[in-house]
Amino acid sequence: MFIAPTNTDSLLTEAANENLYLKLVEQINKDFNLANEPIDFPLSTKPFELKVQLHEKIYRLIQYKFAEYLNLLYIIDVSEDQIKKLDGSDLVVLSEQVAFLILKREWQKVWFRNRL
């Protein structure tokens, strides 16, 4: 049974412990490219670097390319309800929370695919 991690660090630790971290990185790269927002994390990207760079990318998208940001959320299939529950008053905090929701959704995809 899939139990969603509660924060980015626990998610990345779980992915590494299950030997699925590289697949998670591949999934993120794939979905960002599908949304025409190329992000090319090398497979050598460390979990902390992934966390920081993803946060920065989401921050820039929200601030400068909002339509593309919405399209990315649609492509990745992030829950609209979860997004609506976030407090958008602080863009830095919001982008960090959205980055976690993206990671959580990508992790679900990878986790389920490797359980079948």
PDB file of N, CA and C in Angstrom:
ATOM      1  N   MET A   1       0.835  -1.178   0.000  1.00  0.00           N
ATOM      2  CA  MET A   1       0.000   0.000   0.000  1.00  0.00           C
ATOM      3  C   MET A   1       0.882   1.245   0.000  1.00  0.00           C
ATOM      4  N   PHE A   2       0.508   2.215  -0.839  1.00  0.00           N
ATOM      5  CA  PHE A   2       1.282   3.446  -0.949  1.00  0.00           C
ATOM      6  C   PHE A   2       0.936   4.383   0.202  1.00  0.00           C
ATOM      7  N   ILE A   3       1.963   4.798   0.927  1.00  0.00           N
ATOM      8  CA  ILE A   3       1.793   5.789   1.985  1.00  0.00           C
ATOM      9  C   ILE A   3       2.626   6.999   1.582  1.00  0.00           C
ATOM     10  N   ALA A   4       1.940   8.112   1.340  1.00  0.00           N
ATOM     11  CA  ALA A   4       2.622   9.314   0.859  1.00  0.00           C
ATOM     12  C   ALA A   4       3.528   9.890   1.938  1.00  0.00           C
ATOM     13  N   PRO A   5       4.761  10.209   1.571  1.00  0.00           N
ATOM     14  CA  PRO A   5       5.671  10.860   2.516  1.00  0.00           C
ATOM     15  C   PRO A   5       5.113  12.229   2.929  1.00  0.00           C
ATOM     16  N   THR A   6       5.527  12.700   4.093  1.00  0.00           N
ATOM     17  CA  THR A   6       4.983  13.954   4.619  1.00  0.00           C
ATOM     18  C   THR A   6       5.829  15.174   4.298  1.00  0.00           C
ATOM     19  N   ASN A   7       7.055  14.964   3.816  1.00  0.00           N
ATOM     20  CA  ASN A   7       7.886  16.105   3.423  1.00  0.00           C
ATOM     21  C   ASN A   7       8.901  15.663   2.372  1.00  0.00           C
ATOM     22  N   THR A   8       9.556  16.636   1.791  1.00  0.00           N
ATOM     23  CA  THR A   8      10.483  16.368   0.691  1.00  0.00           C
ATOM     24  C   THR A   8      11.632  15.468   1.117  1.00  0.00           C
ATOM     25  N   ASP A   9      12.205  15.744   2.279  1.00  0.00           N
ATOM     26  CA  ASP A   9      13.354  14.949   2.723  1.00  0.00           C
ATOM     27  C   ASP A   9      12.991  13.481   2.929  1.00  0.00           C
ATOM     28  N   SER A  10      11.836  13.216   3.546  1.00  0.00           N
ATOM     29  CA  SER A  10      11.445  11.819   3.754  1.00  0.00           C
ATOM     30  C   SER A  10      11.119  11.148   2.424  1.00  0.00           C
ATOM     31  N   LEU A  11      10.559  11.895   1.496  1.00  0.00           N
ATOM     32  CA  LEU A  11      10.261  11.339   0.176  1.00  0.00           C
ATOM     33  C   LEU A  11      11.548  10.927  -0.545  1.00  0.00           C
ATOM     34  N   LEU A  12      12.521  11.823  -0.550  1.00  0.00           N
ATOM     35  CA  LEU A  12      13.780  11.530  -1.246  1.00  0.00           C
ATOM     36  C   LEU A  12      14.538  10.397  -0.561  1.00  0.00           C
ATOM     37  N   THR A  13      14.456  10.323   0.759  1.00  0.00           N
ATOM     38  CA  THR A  13      15.089   9.226   1.498  1.00  0.00           C
ATOM     39  C   THR A  13      14.424   7.899   1.152  1.00  0.00           C
ATOM     40  N   GLU A  14      13.103   7.911   1.112  1.00  0.00           N
ATOM     41  CA  GLU A  14      12.373   6.690   0.769  1.00  0.00           C
ATOM     42  C   GLU A  14      12.707   6.236  -0.653  1.00  0.00           C
ATOM     43  N   ALA A  15      12.758   7.175  -1.577  1.00  0.00           N
ATOM     44  CA  ALA A  15      13.100   6.835  -2.967  1.00  0.00           C
ATOM     45  C   ALA A  15      14.491   6.207  -3.041  1.00  0.00           C
ATOM     46  N   ALA A  16      15.434   6.777  -2.311  1.00  0.00           N
ATOM     47  CA  ALA A  16      16.794   6.228  -2.297  1.00  0.00           C
ATOM     48  C   ALA A  16      16.813   4.849  -1.647  1.00  0.00           C
ATOM     49  N   ASN A  17      16.102   4.690  -0.536  1.00  0.00           N
ATOM     50  CA  ASN A  17      16.073   3.403   0.169  1.00  0.00           C
ATOM     51  C   ASN A  17      15.455   2.301  -0.682  1.00  0.00           C
ATOM     52  N   GLU A  18      14.521   2.661  -1.538  1.00  0.00           N
ATOM     53  CA  GLU A  18      13.878   1.666  -2.394  1.00  0.00           C
ATOM     54  C   GLU A  18      14.594   1.517  -3.736  1.00  0.00           C
ATOM     55  N   ASN A  19      15.748   2.154  -3.861  1.00  0.00           N
ATOM     56  CA  ASN A  19      16.533   2.126  -5.100  1.00  0.00           C
ATOM     57  C   ASN A  19      15.728   2.634  -6.300  1.00  0.00           C
ATOM     58  N   LEU A  20      14.890   3.636  -6.055  1.00  0.00           N
ATOM     59  CA  LEU A  20      14.065   4.202  -7.122  1.00  0.00           C
ATOM     60  C   LEU A  20      14.361   5.688  -7.347  1.00  0.00           C
ATOM     61  N   TYR A  21      15.397   6.193  -6.705  1.00  0.00           N
ATOM     62  CA  TYR A  21      15.711   7.613  -6.844  1.00  0.00           C
ATOM     63  C   TYR A  21      16.010   7.985  -8.298  1.00  0.00           C
ATOM     64  N   LEU A  22      16.781   7.165  -8.990  1.00  0.00           N
ATOM     65  CA  LEU A  22      17.120   7.477 -10.391  1.00  0.00           C
ATOM     66  C   LEU A  22      15.872   7.484 -11.267  1.00  0.00           C
ATOM     67  N   LYS A  23      14.957   6.571 -10.996  1.00  0.00           N
ATOM     68  CA  LYS A  23      13.699   6.542 -11.748  1.00  0.00           C
ATOM     69  C   LYS A  23      12.863   7.787 -11.453  1.00  0.00           C
ATOM     70  N   LEU A  24      12.927   8.272 -10.225  1.00  0.00           N
ATOM     71  CA  LEU A  24      12.229   9.504  -9.865  1.00  0.00           C
ATOM     72  C   LEU A  24      12.799  10.682 -10.649  1.00  0.00           C
ATOM     73  N   VAL A  25      14.109  10.774 -10.723  1.00  0.00           N
ATOM     74  CA  VAL A  25      14.760  11.841 -11.490  1.00  0.00           C
ATOM     75  C   VAL A  25      14.356  11.748 -12.964  1.00  0.00           C
ATOM     76  N   GLU A  26      14.356  10.548 -13.510  1.00  0.00           N
ATOM     77  CA  GLU A  26      13.954  10.353 -14.909  1.00  0.00           C
ATOM     78  C   GLU A  26      12.502  10.785 -15.134  1.00  0.00           C
ATOM     79  N   GLN A  27      11.626  10.453 -14.206  1.00  0.00           N
ATOM     80  CA  GLN A  27      10.211  10.815 -14.322  1.00  0.00           C
ATOM     81  C   GLN A  27      10.028  12.331 -14.290  1.00  0.00           C
ATOM     82  N   ILE A  28      10.750  12.997 -13.415  1.00  0.00           N
ATOM     83  CA  ILE A  28      10.677  14.460 -13.332  1.00  0.00           C
ATOM     84  C   ILE A  28      11.140  15.069 -14.658  1.00  0.00           C
ATOM     85  N   ASN A  29      12.286  14.614 -15.153  1.00  0.00           N
ATOM     86  CA  ASN A  29      12.795  15.129 -16.432  1.00  0.00           C
ATOM     87  C   ASN A  29      11.776  14.904 -17.548  1.00  0.00           C
ATOM     88  N   LYS A  30      11.193  13.721 -17.591  1.00  0.00           N
ATOM     89  CA  LYS A  30      10.230  13.369 -18.639  1.00  0.00           C
ATOM     90  C   LYS A  30       9.005  14.281 -18.601  1.00  0.00           C
ATOM     91  N   ASP A  31       8.418  14.452 -17.429  1.00  0.00           N
ATOM     92  CA  ASP A  31       7.193  15.246 -17.337  1.00  0.00           C
ATOM     93  C   ASP A  31       7.442  16.731 -17.578  1.00  0.00           C
ATOM     94  N   PHE A  32       8.563  17.251 -17.122  1.00  0.00           N
ATOM     95  CA  PHE A  32       8.878  18.658 -17.404  1.00  0.00           C
ATOM     96  C   PHE A  32       9.067  18.853 -18.910  1.00  0.00           C
ATOM     97  N   ASN A  33       9.702  17.902 -19.567  1.00  0.00           N
ATOM     98  CA  ASN A  33       9.875  18.006 -21.021  1.00  0.00           C
ATOM     99  C   ASN A  33       8.539  17.912 -21.740  1.00  0.00           C
ATOM    100  N   LEU A  34       7.639  17.040 -21.266  1.00  0.00           N
ATOM    101  CA  LEU A  34       6.298  16.946 -21.857  1.00  0.00           C
ATOM    102  C   LEU A  34       5.556  18.269 -21.747  1.00  0.00           C
ATOM    103  N   ALA A  35       5.817  19.010 -20.685  1.00  0.00           N
ATOM    104  CA  ALA A  35       5.160  20.303 -20.463  1.00  0.00           C
ATOM    105  C   ALA A  35       5.909  21.447 -21.156  1.00  0.00           C
ATOM    106  N   ASN A  36       6.910  21.110 -21.956  1.00  0.00           N
ATOM    107  CA  ASN A  36       7.734  22.110 -22.653  1.00  0.00           C
ATOM    108  C   ASN A  36       8.430  23.071 -21.688  1.00  0.00           C
ATOM    109  N   GLU A  37       8.788  22.568 -20.537  1.00  0.00           N
ATOM    110  CA  GLU A  37       9.584  23.311 -19.561  1.00  0.00           C
ATOM    111  C   GLU A  37      10.794  22.456 -19.217  1.00  0.00           C
ATOM    112  N   PRO A  38      11.700  22.316 -20.192  1.00  0.00           N
ATOM    113  CA  PRO A  38      12.815  21.382 -19.995  1.00  0.00           C
ATOM    114  C   PRO A  38      13.594  21.647 -18.711  1.00  0.00           C
ATOM    115  N   ILE A  39      13.812  20.573 -18.018  1.00  0.00           N
ATOM    116  CA  ILE A  39      14.664  20.584 -16.833  1.00  0.00           C
ATOM    117  C   ILE A  39      15.454  19.298 -17.004  1.00  0.00           C
ATOM    118  N   ASP A  40      16.731  19.384 -16.925  1.00  0.00           N
ATOM    119  CA  ASP A  40      17.528  18.198 -17.205  1.00  0.00           C
ATOM    120  C   ASP A  40      18.420  17.881 -16.022  1.00  0.00           C
ATOM    121  N   PHE A  41      17.825  17.194 -15.051  1.00  0.00           N
ATOM    122  CA  PHE A  41      18.617  16.775 -13.904  1.00  0.00           C
ATOM    123  C   PHE A  41      19.465  15.586 -14.321  1.00  0.00           C
ATOM    124  N   PRO A  42      20.785  15.700 -14.223  1.00  0.00           N
ATOM    125  CA  PRO A  42      21.618  14.521 -14.485  1.00  0.00           C
ATOM    126  C   PRO A  42      21.300  13.453 -13.443  1.00  0.00           C
ATOM    127  N   LEU A  43      21.483  12.208 -13.803  1.00  0.00           N
ATOM    128  CA  LEU A  43      21.217  11.123 -12.854  1.00  0.00           C
ATOM    129  C   LEU A  43      22.154  11.181 -11.654  1.00  0.00           C
ATOM    130  N   SER A  44      23.222  11.949 -11.784  1.00  0.00           N
ATOM    131  CA  SER A  44      24.165  12.108 -10.664  1.00  0.00           C
ATOM    132  C   SER A  44      23.710  13.189  -9.678  1.00  0.00           C
ATOM    133  N   THR A  45      22.582  13.838  -9.938  1.00  0.00           N
ATOM    134  CA  THR A  45      22.075  14.891  -9.060  1.00  0.00           C
ATOM    135  C   THR A  45      21.780  14.314  -7.669  1.00  0.00           C
ATOM    136  N   LYS A  46      22.337  14.939  -6.672  1.00  0.00           N
ATOM    137  CA  LYS A  46      22.104  14.510  -5.289  1.00  0.00           C
ATOM    138  C   LYS A  46      20.713  14.964  -4.845  1.00  0.00           C
ATOM    139  N   PRO A  47      20.099  14.232  -3.907  1.00  0.00           N
ATOM    140  CA  PRO A  47      18.756  14.598  -3.455  1.00  0.00           C
ATOM    141  C   PRO A  47      18.623  16.051  -2.991  1.00  0.00           C
ATOM    142  N   PHE A  48      19.609  16.555  -2.252  1.00  0.00           N
ATOM    143  CA  PHE A  48      19.523  17.940  -1.787  1.00  0.00           C
ATOM    144  C   PHE A  48      19.535  18.911  -2.972  1.00  0.00           C
ATOM    145  N   GLU A  49      20.387  18.637  -3.967  1.00  0.00           N
ATOM    146  CA  GLU A  49      20.455  19.497  -5.158  1.00  0.00           C
ATOM    147  C   GLU A  49      19.138  19.456  -5.921  1.00  0.00           C
ATOM    148  N   LEU A  50      18.553  18.283  -6.031  1.00  0.00           N
ATOM    149  CA  LEU A  50      17.268  18.128  -6.706  1.00  0.00           C
ATOM    150  C   LEU A  50      16.207  18.983  -6.017  1.00  0.00           C
ATOM    151  N   LYS A  51      16.166  18.890  -4.711  1.00  0.00           N
ATOM    152  CA  LYS A  51      15.192  19.645  -3.911  1.00  0.00           C
ATOM    153  C   LYS A  51      15.344  21.150  -4.160  1.00  0.00           C
ATOM    154  N   VAL A  52      16.561  21.655  -4.078  1.00  0.00           N
ATOM    155  CA  VAL A  52      16.823  23.088  -4.227  1.00  0.00           C
ATOM    156  C   VAL A  52      16.533  23.551  -5.657  1.00  0.00           C
ATOM    157  N   GLN A  53      17.016  22.815  -6.634  1.00  0.00           N
ATOM    158  CA  GLN A  53      16.845  23.230  -8.030  1.00  0.00           C
ATOM    159  C   GLN A  53      15.388  23.147  -8.476  1.00  0.00           C
ATOM    160  N   LEU A  54      14.669  22.148  -8.007  1.00  0.00           N
ATOM    161  CA  LEU A  54      13.250  22.044  -8.337  1.00  0.00           C
ATOM    162  C   LEU A  54      12.490  23.217  -7.717  1.00  0.00           C
ATOM    163  N   HIS A  55      12.798  23.531  -6.483  1.00  0.00           N
ATOM    164  CA  HIS A  55      12.179  24.674  -5.803  1.00  0.00           C
ATOM    165  C   HIS A  55      12.427  25.963  -6.591  1.00  0.00           C
ATOM    166  N   GLU A  56      13.671  26.173  -7.015  1.00  0.00           N
ATOM    167  CA  GLU A  56      14.013  27.378  -7.786  1.00  0.00           C
ATOM    168  C   GLU A  56      13.262  27.429  -9.110  1.00  0.00           C
ATOM    169  N   LYS A  57      13.158  26.285  -9.781  1.00  0.00           N
ATOM    170  CA  LYS A  57      12.449  26.228 -11.068  1.00  0.00           C
ATOM    171  C   LYS A  57      10.973  26.585 -10.877  1.00  0.00           C
ATOM    172  N   ILE A  58      10.336  26.031  -9.864  1.00  0.00           N
ATOM    173  CA  ILE A  58       8.923  26.323  -9.606  1.00  0.00           C
ATOM    174  C   ILE A  58       8.751  27.791  -9.247  1.00  0.00           C
ATOM    175  N   TYR A  59       9.640  28.325  -8.444  1.00  0.00           N
ATOM    176  CA  TYR A  59       9.583  29.746  -8.076  1.00  0.00           C
ATOM    177  C   TYR A  59       9.606  30.627  -9.320  1.00  0.00           C
ATOM    178  N   ARG A  60      10.541  30.344 -10.220  1.00  0.00           N
ATOM    179  CA  ARG A  60      10.649  31.140 -11.456  1.00  0.00           C
ATOM    180  C   ARG A  60       9.410  30.990 -12.329  1.00  0.00           C
ATOM    181  N   LEU A  61       8.879  29.770 -12.414  1.00  0.00           N
ATOM    182  CA  LEU A  61       7.673  29.558 -13.224  1.00  0.00           C
ATOM    183  C   LEU A  61       6.486  30.349 -12.668  1.00  0.00           C
ATOM    184  N   ILE A  62       6.286  30.282 -11.362  1.00  0.00           N
ATOM    185  CA  ILE A  62       5.165  31.012 -10.757  1.00  0.00           C
ATOM    186  C   ILE A  62       5.330  32.512 -10.985  1.00  0.00           C
ATOM    187  N   GLN A  63       6.550  32.990 -10.833  1.00  0.00           N
ATOM    188  CA  GLN A  63       6.782  34.426 -10.916  1.00  0.00           C
ATOM    189  C   GLN A  63       6.759  34.957 -12.354  1.00  0.00           C
ATOM    190  N   TYR A  64       7.305  34.214 -13.300  1.00  0.00           N
ATOM    191  CA  TYR A  64       7.490  34.761 -14.644  1.00  0.00           C
ATOM    192  C   TYR A  64       6.703  34.057 -15.748  1.00  0.00           C
ATOM    193  N   LYS A  65       6.283  32.825 -15.519  1.00  0.00           N
ATOM    194  CA  LYS A  65       5.625  32.051 -16.579  1.00  0.00           C
ATOM    195  C   LYS A  65       4.449  31.286 -15.986  1.00  0.00           C
ATOM    196  N   PHE A  66       3.447  32.017 -15.507  1.00  0.00           N
ATOM    197  CA  PHE A  66       2.361  31.398 -14.755  1.00  0.00           C
ATOM    198  C   PHE A  66       1.549  30.416 -15.596  1.00  0.00           C
ATOM    199  N   ALA A  67       1.277  30.737 -16.851  1.00  0.00           N
ATOM    200  CA  ALA A  67       0.503  29.823 -17.706  1.00  0.00           C
ATOM    201  C   ALA A  67       1.263  28.505 -17.889  1.00  0.00           C
ATOM    202  N   GLU A  68       2.565  28.586 -18.063  1.00  0.00           N
ATOM    203  CA  GLU A  68       3.394  27.383 -18.213  1.00  0.00           C
ATOM    204  C   GLU A  68       3.428  26.579 -16.917  1.00  0.00           C
ATOM    205  N   TYR A  69       3.421  27.287 -15.801  1.00  0.00           N
ATOM    206  CA  TYR A  69       3.367  26.641 -14.483  1.00  0.00           C
ATOM    207  C   TYR A  69       2.074  25.833 -14.342  1.00  0.00           C
ATOM    208  N   LEU A  70       0.950  26.440 -14.704  1.00  0.00           N
ATOM    209  CA  LEU A  70      -0.332  25.734 -14.628  1.00  0.00           C
ATOM    210  C   LEU A  70      -0.348  24.521 -15.550  1.00  0.00           C
ATOM    211  N   ASN A  71       0.217  24.672 -16.744  1.00  0.00           N
ATOM    212  CA  ASN A  71       0.291  23.548 -17.679  1.00  0.00           C
ATOM    213  C   ASN A  71       1.137  22.417 -17.102  1.00  0.00           C
ATOM    214  N   LEU A  72       2.232  22.764 -16.462  1.00  0.00           N
ATOM    215  CA  LEU A  72       3.098  21.757 -15.836  1.00  0.00           C
ATOM    216  C   LEU A  72       2.330  20.977 -14.777  1.00  0.00           C
ATOM    217  N   LEU A  73       1.583  21.685 -13.921  1.00  0.00           N
ATOM    218  CA  LEU A  73       0.796  21.005 -12.895  1.00  0.00           C
ATOM    219  C   LEU A  73      -0.215  20.058 -13.527  1.00  0.00           C
ATOM    220  N   TYR A  74      -0.793  20.468 -14.645  1.00  0.00           N
ATOM    221  CA  TYR A  74      -1.764  19.633 -15.354  1.00  0.00           C
ATOM    222  C   TYR A  74      -1.081  18.388 -15.921  1.00  0.00           C
ATOM    223  N   ILE A  75       0.057  18.570 -16.567  1.00  0.00           N
ATOM    224  CA  ILE A  75       0.794  17.446 -17.181  1.00  0.00           C
ATOM    225  C   ILE A  75       1.208  16.436 -16.099  1.00  0.00           C
ATOM    226  N   ILE A  76       1.717  16.935 -14.992  1.00  0.00           N
ATOM    227  CA  ILE A  76       2.177  16.047 -13.916  1.00  0.00           C
ATOM    228  C   ILE A  76       0.991  15.440 -13.181  1.00  0.00           C
ATOM    229  N   ASP A  77      -0.151  16.098 -13.237  1.00  0.00           N
ATOM    230  CA  ASP A  77      -1.385  15.638 -12.582  1.00  0.00           C
ATOM    231  C   ASP A  77      -1.336  15.864 -11.079  1.00  0.00           C
ATOM    232  N   VAL A  78      -0.911  17.073 -10.705  1.00  0.00           N
ATOM    233  CA  VAL A  78      -0.933  17.468  -9.296  1.00  0.00           C
ATOM    234  C   VAL A  78      -2.371  17.829  -8.942  1.00  0.00           C
ATOM    235  N   SER A  79      -2.836  17.383  -7.806  1.00  0.00           N
ATOM    236  CA  SER A  79      -4.204  17.612  -7.367  1.00  0.00           C
ATOM    237  C   SER A  79      -4.522  19.102  -7.261  1.00  0.00           C
ATOM    238  N   GLU A  80      -5.544  19.523  -7.973  1.00  0.00           N
ATOM    239  CA  GLU A  80      -5.971  20.921  -7.930  1.00  0.00           C
ATOM    240  C   GLU A  80      -6.420  21.292  -6.514  1.00  0.00           C
ATOM    241  N   ASP A  81      -7.086  20.370  -5.834  1.00  0.00           N
ATOM    242  CA  ASP A  81      -7.533  20.625  -4.460  1.00  0.00           C
ATOM    243  C   ASP A  81      -6.356  20.906  -3.531  1.00  0.00           C
ATOM    244  N   GLN A  82      -5.277  20.135  -3.695  1.00  0.00           N
ATOM    245  CA  GLN A  82      -4.099  20.345  -2.846  1.00  0.00           C
ATOM    246  C   GLN A  82      -3.471  21.710  -3.123  1.00  0.00           C
ATOM    247  N   ILE A  83      -3.435  22.104  -4.385  1.00  0.00           N
ATOM    248  CA  ILE A  83      -2.871  23.404  -4.746  1.00  0.00           C
ATOM    249  C   ILE A  83      -3.718  24.526  -4.144  1.00  0.00           C
ATOM    250  N   LYS A  84      -5.032  24.384  -4.220  1.00  0.00           N
ATOM    251  CA  LYS A  84      -5.933  25.427  -3.711  1.00  0.00           C
ATOM    252  C   LYS A  84      -5.816  25.601  -2.192  1.00  0.00           C
ATOM    253  N   LYS A  85      -5.406  24.568  -1.501  1.00  0.00           N
ATOM    254  CA  LYS A  85      -5.284  24.631  -0.043  1.00  0.00           C
ATOM    255  C   LYS A  85      -4.040  25.398   0.415  1.00  0.00           C
ATOM    256  N   LEU A  86      -3.111  25.647  -0.508  1.00  0.00           N
ATOM    257  CA  LEU A  86      -1.861  26.310  -0.132  1.00  0.00           C
ATOM    258  C   LEU A  86      -2.063  27.806   0.047  1.00  0.00           C
ATOM    259  N   ASP A  87      -1.296  28.385   0.939  1.00  0.00           N
ATOM    260  CA  ASP A  87      -1.324  29.823   1.178  1.00  0.00           C
ATOM    261  C   ASP A  87      -0.340  30.480   0.209  1.00  0.00           C
ATOM    262  N   GLY A  88      -0.849  31.309  -0.664  1.00  0.00           N
ATOM    263  CA  GLY A  88      -0.003  31.925  -1.681  1.00  0.00           C
ATOM    264  C   GLY A  88       0.580  33.268  -1.292  1.00  0.00           C
ATOM    265  N   SER A  89       0.519  33.630  -0.012  1.00  0.00           N
ATOM    266  CA  SER A  89       0.981  34.960   0.391  1.00  0.00           C
ATOM    267  C   SER A  89       2.507  35.110   0.341  1.00  0.00           C
ATOM    268  N   ASP A  90       3.233  34.028   0.475  1.00  0.00           N
ATOM    269  CA  ASP A  90       4.699  34.063   0.412  1.00  0.00           C
ATOM    270  C   ASP A  90       5.141  33.160  -0.730  1.00  0.00           C
ATOM    271  N   LEU A  91       5.642  33.778  -1.787  1.00  0.00           N
ATOM    272  CA  LEU A  91       5.982  33.040  -3.004  1.00  0.00           C
ATOM    273  C   LEU A  91       7.074  31.994  -2.775  1.00  0.00           C
ATOM    274  N   VAL A  92       8.018  32.285  -1.904  1.00  0.00           N
ATOM    275  CA  VAL A  92       9.095  31.325  -1.623  1.00  0.00           C
ATOM    276  C   VAL A  92       8.525  30.074  -0.961  1.00  0.00           C
ATOM    277  N   VAL A  93       7.666  30.284   0.032  1.00  0.00           N
ATOM    278  CA  VAL A  93       7.048  29.149   0.732  1.00  0.00           C
ATOM    279  C   VAL A  93       6.115  28.393  -0.212  1.00  0.00           C
ATOM    280  N   LEU A  94       5.327  29.125  -0.983  1.00  0.00           N
ATOM    281  CA  LEU A  94       4.408  28.495  -1.930  1.00  0.00           C
ATOM    282  C   LEU A  94       5.163  27.620  -2.921  1.00  0.00           C
ATOM    283  N   SER A  95       6.239  28.139  -3.495  1.00  0.00           N
ATOM    284  CA  SER A  95       6.980  27.355  -4.489  1.00  0.00           C
ATOM    285  C   SER A  95       7.614  26.118  -3.860  1.00  0.00           C
ATOM    286  N   GLU A  96       8.015  26.212  -2.600  1.00  0.00           N
ATOM    287  CA  GLU A  96       8.562  25.047  -1.907  1.00  0.00           C
ATOM    288  C   GLU A  96       7.470  23.984  -1.700  1.00  0.00           C
ATOM    289  N   GLN A  97       6.275  24.430  -1.335  1.00  0.00           N
ATOM    290  CA  GLN A  97       5.163  23.502  -1.120  1.00  0.00           C
ATOM    291  C   GLN A  97       4.732  22.856  -2.444  1.00  0.00           C
ATOM    292  N   VAL A  98       4.700  23.631  -3.506  1.00  0.00           N
ATOM    293  CA  VAL A  98       4.327  23.094  -4.814  1.00  0.00           C
ATOM    294  C   VAL A  98       5.389  22.104  -5.296  1.00  0.00           C
ATOM    295  N   ALA A  99       6.649  22.420  -5.067  1.00  0.00           N
ATOM    296  CA  ALA A  99       7.723  21.492  -5.442  1.00  0.00           C
ATOM    297  C   ALA A  99       7.534  20.155  -4.725  1.00  0.00           C
ATOM    298  N   PHE A 100       7.126  20.198  -3.466  1.00  0.00           N
ATOM    299  CA  PHE A 100       6.861  18.958  -2.733  1.00  0.00           C
ATOM    300  C   PHE A 100       5.685  18.210  -3.344  1.00  0.00           C
ATOM    301  N   LEU A 101       4.602  18.917  -3.688  1.00  0.00           N
ATOM    302  CA  LEU A 101       3.448  18.247  -4.307  1.00  0.00           C
ATOM    303  C   LEU A 101       3.832  17.602  -5.636  1.00  0.00           C
ATOM    304  N   ILE A 102       4.683  18.271  -6.398  1.00  0.00           N
ATOM    305  CA  ILE A 102       5.158  17.706  -7.661  1.00  0.00           C
ATOM    306  C   ILE A 102       5.980  16.452  -7.381  1.00  0.00           C
ATOM    307  N   LEU A 103       6.911  16.550  -6.451  1.00  0.00           N
ATOM    308  CA  LEU A 103       7.726  15.376  -6.099  1.00  0.00           C
ATOM    309  C   LEU A 103       6.851  14.226  -5.609  1.00  0.00           C
ATOM    310  N   LYS A 104       5.852  14.550  -4.801  1.00  0.00           N
ATOM    311  CA  LYS A 104       4.975  13.507  -4.261  1.00  0.00           C
ATOM    312  C   LYS A 104       4.227  12.804  -5.387  1.00  0.00           C
ATOM    313  N   ARG A 105       3.715  13.565  -6.353  1.00  0.00           N
ATOM    314  CA  ARG A 105       2.980  12.962  -7.472  1.00  0.00           C
ATOM    315  C   ARG A 105       3.916  12.130  -8.346  1.00  0.00           C
ATOM    316  N   GLU A 106       5.095  12.647  -8.610  1.00  0.00           N
ATOM    317  CA  GLU A 106       6.067  11.895  -9.419  1.00  0.00           C
ATOM    318  C   GLU A 106       6.480  10.615  -8.691  1.00  0.00           C
ATOM    319  N   TRP A 107       6.636  10.697  -7.380  1.00  0.00           N
ATOM    320  CA  TRP A 107       6.999   9.522  -6.587  1.00  0.00           C
ATOM    321  C   TRP A 107       5.889   8.474  -6.652  1.00  0.00           C
ATOM    322  N   GLN A 108       4.629   8.918  -6.603  1.00  0.00           N
ATOM    323  CA  GLN A 108       3.513   7.969  -6.729  1.00  0.00           C
ATOM    324  C   GLN A 108       3.608   7.210  -8.049  1.00  0.00           C
ATOM    325  N   LYS A 109       3.860   7.928  -9.122  1.00  0.00           N
ATOM    326  CA  LYS A 109       3.954   7.294 -10.445  1.00  0.00           C
ATOM    327  C   LYS A 109       5.059   6.232 -10.458  1.00  0.00           C
ATOM    328  N   VAL A 110       6.230   6.608  -9.966  1.00  0.00           N
ATOM    329  CA  VAL A 110       7.379   5.701  -9.966  1.00  0.00           C
ATOM    330  C   VAL A 110       7.112   4.512  -9.056  1.00  0.00           C
ATOM    331  N   TRP A 111       6.600   4.769  -7.869  1.00  0.00           N
ATOM    332  CA  TRP A 111       6.339   3.724  -6.887  1.00  0.00           C
ATOM    333  C   TRP A 111       5.345   2.699  -7.436  1.00  0.00           C
ATOM    334  N   PHE A 112       4.217   3.184  -7.962  1.00  0.00           N
ATOM    335  CA  PHE A 112       3.202   2.266  -8.491  1.00  0.00           C
ATOM    336  C   PHE A 112       3.722   1.467  -9.684  1.00  0.00           C
ATOM    337  N   ARG A 113       4.443   2.125 -10.568  1.00  0.00           N
ATOM    338  CA  ARG A 113       4.969   1.439 -11.754  1.00  0.00           C
ATOM    339  C   ARG A 113       5.904   0.314 -11.354  1.00  0.00           C
ATOM    340  N   ASN A 114       6.599   0.481 -10.261  1.00  0.00           N
ATOM    341  CA  ASN A 114       7.557  -0.540  -9.833  1.00  0.00           C
ATOM    342  C   ASN A 114       6.937  -1.575  -8.903  1.00  0.00           C
ATOM    343  N   ARG A 115       5.659  -1.457  -8.632  1.00  0.00           N
ATOM    344  CA  ARG A 115       4.948  -2.458  -7.827  1.00  0.00           C
ATOM    345  C   ARG A 115       4.140  -3.418  -8.688  1.00  0.00           C
ATOM    346  N   LEU A 116       3.947  -3.068  -9.943  1.00  0.00           N
ATOM    347  CA  LEU A 116       3.130  -3.906 -10.826  1.00  0.00           C
ATOM    348  C   LEU A 116       3.904  -5.092 -11.350  1.00  0.00           C
TER     349      LEU A 116
END
